């Protein structure tokens, strides 16, 4: 297939990943997919992740995970810059079809944290929607053939669940928001939550941010502009305004009448 991204070094990383998972999984390998900002054409080399998903033929036995972890360590040694932002999951085909909280624990590669079996919460709904609608098949069937459509109300409920489980607690303890990277991430994530709540759709951080500026008016325009412009190494300290935006998102969720 043609190179999946405009970045030769990232394409080389994805080739290593494909060869590695095929070698380790053998007949358990069902497909490798790229999604997120690279698939959507909004990748920012300074701050974006490389999101992937491996579809597997059945649940992976625990005894196979050390070999997978070692494979990812070899990729990290061969391509340290891009492997540092590589993040993805290994999900059986039967569970990939639709999100089921009763079957939501899968091997997950986290940036800087290695490979572990983790529970996918409501973000599993959003992952499937993005993968189905925008995902690039590096190997395997087209993703829309593997995943059922996700309804607008499913997406709304998913972002509400995520807000309550992950973002609402920072209103009582804002420690997580102190680093500039996380504070800007929170601001842009609130824009995406508000967009999904209003439209029942998922869009990029940039699209959601521009919509939020037009919708929320002058009180958030400068804050969102600063969050969009931030890059690693730059200072960023707008904690009171970031918390105000999180409170506004909480209030909009409380006003929404979700079925």
Protein backbone atom coordinates (compact mmCIF):
# COMPACT_ATOMS: atom_id res chain seq x y z
CA UNK A 1 0.00 0.00 0.00
CA UNK A 2 1.14 3.64 -0.40
CA UNK A 3 2.91 5.22 2.55
CA UNK A 4 0.20 5.80 5.18
CA UNK A 5 1.60 9.14 6.39
CA UNK A 6 3.65 12.03 4.94
CA UNK A 7 6.45 11.31 7.46
CA UNK A 8 9.08 8.79 6.27
CA UNK A 9 10.38 8.16 9.82
CA UNK A 10 6.87 7.40 11.07
CA UNK A 11 6.21 5.12 8.11
CA UNK A 12 9.40 3.24 9.00
CA UNK A 13 8.17 2.95 12.60
CA UNK A 14 4.82 1.58 11.41
CA UNK A 15 6.64 -0.96 9.21
CA UNK A 16 8.57 -2.12 12.29
CA UNK A 17 5.35 -2.34 14.27
CA UNK A 18 3.56 -4.34 11.57
CA UNK A 19 6.46 -6.77 11.17
CA UNK A 20 6.77 -7.09 14.94
CA UNK A 21 3.13 -7.82 15.73
CA UNK A 22 2.87 -10.29 12.86
CA UNK A 23 5.94 -12.15 14.11
CA UNK A 24 4.77 -12.29 17.72
CA UNK A 25 1.05 -12.96 17.14
CA UNK A 26 1.34 -15.24 14.11
CA UNK A 27 -2.14 -16.62 13.35
CA UNK A 28 -3.63 -14.51 16.16
CA UNK A 29 -2.94 -11.37 14.11
CA UNK A 30 -6.08 -10.00 12.39
CA UNK A 31 -5.19 -6.40 11.47
CA UNK A 32 -3.23 -3.25 12.26
CA UNK A 33 -4.91 0.15 12.09
CA UNK A 34 -3.81 3.76 12.39
CA UNK A 35 -6.25 6.34 13.72
CA UNK A 36 -6.26 9.69 15.49
CA UNK A 37 -4.54 12.83 14.22
CA UNK A 38 -2.35 11.02 11.68
CA UNK A 39 -5.36 9.41 10.03
CA UNK A 40 -7.33 12.66 10.17
CA UNK A 41 -4.55 14.74 8.60
CA UNK A 42 -4.03 16.95 11.69
CA UNK A 43 -0.83 15.47 13.07
CA UNK A 44 1.45 17.93 14.86
CA UNK A 45 4.96 16.48 15.26
CA UNK A 46 5.54 18.64 18.34
CA UNK A 47 2.58 17.42 20.38
CA UNK A 48 0.53 14.62 18.73
CA UNK A 49 0.44 10.93 19.57
CA UNK A 50 0.68 8.04 17.11
CA UNK A 51 -2.47 6.02 17.77
CA UNK A 52 -2.75 2.42 16.62
CA UNK A 53 -4.95 -0.58 17.18
CA UNK A 54 -4.17 -4.25 16.62
CA UNK A 55 -7.16 -6.50 16.01
CA UNK A 56 -6.56 -10.05 17.25
CA UNK A 57 -8.21 -13.37 16.53
CA UNK A 58 -9.31 -14.11 20.07
CA UNK A 59 -8.09 -13.02 23.49
CA UNK A 60 -4.32 -12.99 23.77
CA UNK A 61 -2.94 -15.42 26.36
CA UNK A 62 -1.06 -13.81 29.23
CA UNK A 63 2.04 -15.79 28.30
CA UNK A 64 2.30 -13.88 25.03
CA UNK A 65 2.44 -10.43 26.60
CA UNK A 66 6.15 -10.49 27.56
CA UNK A 67 7.04 -11.17 23.91
CA UNK A 68 4.84 -8.24 22.83
CA UNK A 69 6.42 -5.99 25.46
CA UNK A 70 9.91 -6.99 24.30
CA UNK A 71 8.92 -6.24 20.70
CA UNK A 72 7.83 -2.74 21.68
CA UNK A 73 11.10 -2.22 23.55
CA UNK A 74 13.03 -3.12 20.40
CA UNK A 75 10.98 -0.62 18.41
CA UNK A 76 11.67 2.04 21.04
CA UNK A 77 15.41 1.39 20.71
CA UNK A 78 15.25 1.56 16.91
CA UNK A 79 13.04 4.66 16.68
CA UNK A 80 13.18 6.46 20.04
CA UNK A 81 11.66 9.76 18.91
CA UNK A 82 8.43 8.37 17.50
CA UNK A 83 8.14 5.28 19.67
CA UNK A 84 7.95 7.67 22.64
CA UNK A 85 4.55 8.87 21.37
CA UNK A 86 3.27 5.48 20.17
CA UNK A 87 0.08 4.46 21.94
CA UNK A 88 -2.40 1.71 21.19
CA UNK A 89 -4.37 -1.38 22.15
CA UNK A 90 -4.75 -5.03 21.25
CA UNK A 91 -8.46 -5.91 21.00
CA UNK A 92 -10.07 -9.19 19.88
CA UNK A 93 -12.32 -8.97 16.83
CA UNK A 94 -15.36 -10.08 18.79
CA UNK A 95 -14.87 -7.24 21.31
CA UNK A 96 -13.96 -4.68 18.67
CA UNK A 97 -17.41 -4.95 17.08
CA UNK A 98 -18.95 -2.78 19.81
CA UNK A 99 -17.93 -1.49 23.22
CA UNK A 100 -19.06 -3.72 26.08
CA UNK A 101 -17.95 -2.68 29.59
CA UNK A 102 -18.09 -6.33 30.64
CA UNK A 103 -15.38 -7.19 28.09
CA UNK A 104 -13.20 -4.09 28.14
CA UNK A 105 -9.82 -5.16 29.58
CA UNK A 106 -7.18 -5.39 26.88
CA UNK A 107 -3.40 -5.04 26.49
CA UNK A 108 -2.57 -1.36 26.05
CA UNK A 109 0.70 0.37 25.22
CA UNK A 110 0.91 3.67 27.10
CA UNK A 111 3.50 6.33 26.34
CA UNK A 112 6.32 5.97 28.82
CA UNK A 113 4.51 3.23 30.77
CA UNK A 114 4.98 0.15 28.62
CA UNK A 115 2.49 -2.60 27.81
CA UNK A 116 -0.13 -3.50 30.42
CA UNK A 117 -3.61 -4.97 30.49
CA UNK A 118 -5.91 -2.03 31.23
CA UNK A 119 -9.61 -1.39 31.38
CA UNK A 120 -11.09 0.70 28.57
CA UNK A 121 -13.84 2.92 29.93
CA UNK A 122 -16.19 5.09 27.88
CA UNK A 123 -13.25 6.14 25.73
CA UNK A 124 -13.70 2.76 24.06
CA UNK A 125 -16.88 4.07 22.43
CA UNK A 126 -15.05 7.08 21.01
CA UNK A 127 -12.08 4.97 19.90
CA UNK A 128 -14.34 2.67 17.89
CA UNK A 129 -16.17 5.56 16.25
CA UNK A 130 -12.96 7.31 15.19
CA UNK A 131 -11.40 4.07 14.01
CA UNK A 132 -14.49 3.10 12.03
CA UNK A 133 -14.91 6.48 10.34
CA UNK A 134 -11.28 7.60 9.86
CA UNK A 135 -9.00 4.63 10.51
CA UNK A 136 -6.35 3.52 8.02
CA UNK A 137 -5.85 -0.21 7.56
CA UNK A 138 -2.14 -0.99 7.47
CA UNK A 139 -3.09 -4.67 7.29
CA UNK A 140 -6.43 -6.43 7.57
CA UNK A 141 -10.02 -5.69 6.52
CA UNK A 142 -11.32 -2.11 6.30
CA UNK A 143 -12.18 -0.95 9.83
CA UNK A 144 -15.79 -0.10 8.98
CA UNK A 145 -16.39 -3.79 8.33
CA UNK A 146 -15.26 -4.72 11.84
CA UNK A 147 -17.08 -2.09 13.94
CA UNK A 148 -20.78 -1.30 14.23
CA UNK A 149 -21.85 2.33 13.69
CA UNK A 150 -21.78 4.47 16.83
CA UNK A 151 -24.83 6.69 17.24
CA UNK A 152 -24.67 10.40 18.14
CA UNK A 153 -26.29 9.70 21.51
CA UNK A 154 -23.76 6.95 22.18
CA UNK A 155 -21.01 9.53 21.65
CA UNK A 156 -22.75 12.06 23.88
CA UNK A 157 -23.11 9.53 26.69
CA UNK A 158 -19.47 8.50 26.29
CA UNK A 159 -18.08 12.04 26.69
CA UNK A 160 -20.38 12.64 29.66
CA UNK A 161 -19.14 9.46 31.34
CA UNK A 162 -15.54 10.48 30.64
CA UNK A 163 -16.11 13.93 32.08
CA UNK A 164 -17.57 12.57 35.31
CA UNK A 165 -14.91 9.91 35.78
CA UNK A 166 -11.79 11.86 34.77
CA UNK A 167 -12.38 15.61 34.61
CA UNK A 168 -14.92 16.45 37.32
CA UNK A 169 -12.50 15.39 40.11
CA UNK A 170 -9.98 18.09 39.11
CA UNK A 171 -12.47 20.71 40.30
CA UNK A 172 -11.73 19.49 43.84
CA UNK A 173 -8.03 18.78 43.32
CA UNK A 174 -6.39 20.59 40.41
CA UNK A 175 -2.91 19.10 40.89
CA UNK A 176 -3.15 17.22 37.60
CA UNK A 177 -3.63 20.50 35.75
CA UNK A 178 -0.44 22.15 36.93
CA UNK A 179 1.90 20.94 34.13
CA UNK A 180 1.49 23.10 31.01
CA UNK A 181 1.03 20.09 28.70
CA UNK A 182 -1.86 18.74 30.72
CA UNK A 183 -3.48 22.12 31.24
CA UNK A 184 -3.60 22.81 27.51
CA UNK A 185 -4.82 19.27 26.90
CA UNK A 186 -7.65 19.85 29.38
CA UNK A 187 -8.71 23.10 27.70
CA UNK A 188 -8.84 21.55 24.23
CA UNK A 189 -10.56 18.43 25.55
CA UNK A 190 -13.32 20.57 27.06
CA UNK A 191 -13.83 22.08 23.60
CA UNK A 192 -14.21 18.59 22.14
CA UNK A 193 -16.61 17.48 24.86
CA UNK A 194 -18.78 20.56 24.34
CA UNK A 195 -18.76 20.01 20.57
CA UNK A 196 -19.78 16.36 20.91
CA UNK A 197 -22.46 17.25 23.44
CA UNK A 198 -23.93 19.78 20.98
CA UNK A 199 -23.47 17.95 17.66
CA UNK A 200 -23.27 14.26 18.57
CA UNK A 201 -20.05 14.00 16.56
CA UNK A 202 -16.31 13.81 17.21
CA UNK A 203 -13.93 16.27 15.51
CA UNK A 204 -10.30 17.23 15.92
CA UNK A 205 -9.10 19.46 18.75
CA UNK A 206 -8.56 22.34 16.30
CA UNK A 207 -12.04 22.14 14.78
CA UNK A 208 -13.65 21.83 18.20
CA UNK A 209 -11.56 24.72 19.54
CA UNK A 210 -12.59 27.08 16.73
CA UNK A 211 -16.23 26.10 17.21
CA UNK A 212 -15.95 26.68 20.97
CA UNK A 213 -14.45 30.13 20.41
CA UNK A 214 -17.36 31.09 18.18
CA UNK A 215 -19.88 29.61 20.60
CA UNK A 216 -18.47 30.69 23.96
CA UNK A 217 -17.46 34.18 22.89
CA UNK A 218 -14.76 36.53 24.10
CA UNK A 219 -14.35 35.01 27.56
CA UNK A 220 -12.63 31.91 26.11
CA UNK A 221 -11.17 33.10 22.81
CA UNK A 222 -7.75 34.12 24.10
CA UNK A 223 -7.47 31.10 26.42
CA UNK A 224 -8.19 28.65 23.60
CA UNK A 225 -5.82 30.48 21.24
CA UNK A 226 -3.04 30.13 23.80
CA UNK A 227 -3.79 26.43 24.26
CA UNK A 228 -3.69 25.85 20.50
CA UNK A 229 -0.40 27.72 20.15
CA UNK A 230 1.35 25.98 23.07
CA UNK A 231 4.28 23.69 22.29
CA UNK A 232 6.47 21.59 24.60
CA UNK A 233 8.93 23.76 26.48
CA UNK A 234 6.69 26.83 26.45
CA UNK A 235 5.21 28.14 29.73
CA UNK A 236 1.47 28.01 30.28
CA UNK A 237 -0.33 28.96 33.48
CA UNK A 238 -4.01 29.80 33.07
CA UNK A 239 -5.30 27.52 35.80
CA UNK A 240 -8.24 29.70 37.00
CA UNK A 241 -9.56 30.06 33.44
CA UNK A 242 -9.01 26.39 32.69
CA UNK A 243 -11.04 25.48 35.78
CA UNK A 244 -13.75 27.93 34.72
CA UNK A 245 -14.00 26.15 31.36
CA UNK A 246 -14.26 22.78 33.10
CA UNK A 247 -17.04 24.16 35.32
CA UNK A 248 -18.82 25.51 32.27
CA UNK A 249 -18.60 22.06 30.66
CA UNK A 250 -20.00 20.49 33.83
CA UNK A 251 -22.90 22.94 33.79
CA UNK A 252 -23.67 22.23 30.12
CA UNK A 253 -23.68 18.49 30.85
CA UNK A 254 -26.10 19.03 33.72
CA UNK A 255 -28.39 21.00 31.42
CA UNK A 256 -28.32 18.40 28.64
CA UNK A 257 -31.20 15.93 28.54
CA UNK A 258 -29.61 12.72 27.34
CA UNK A 259 -31.82 9.68 26.67
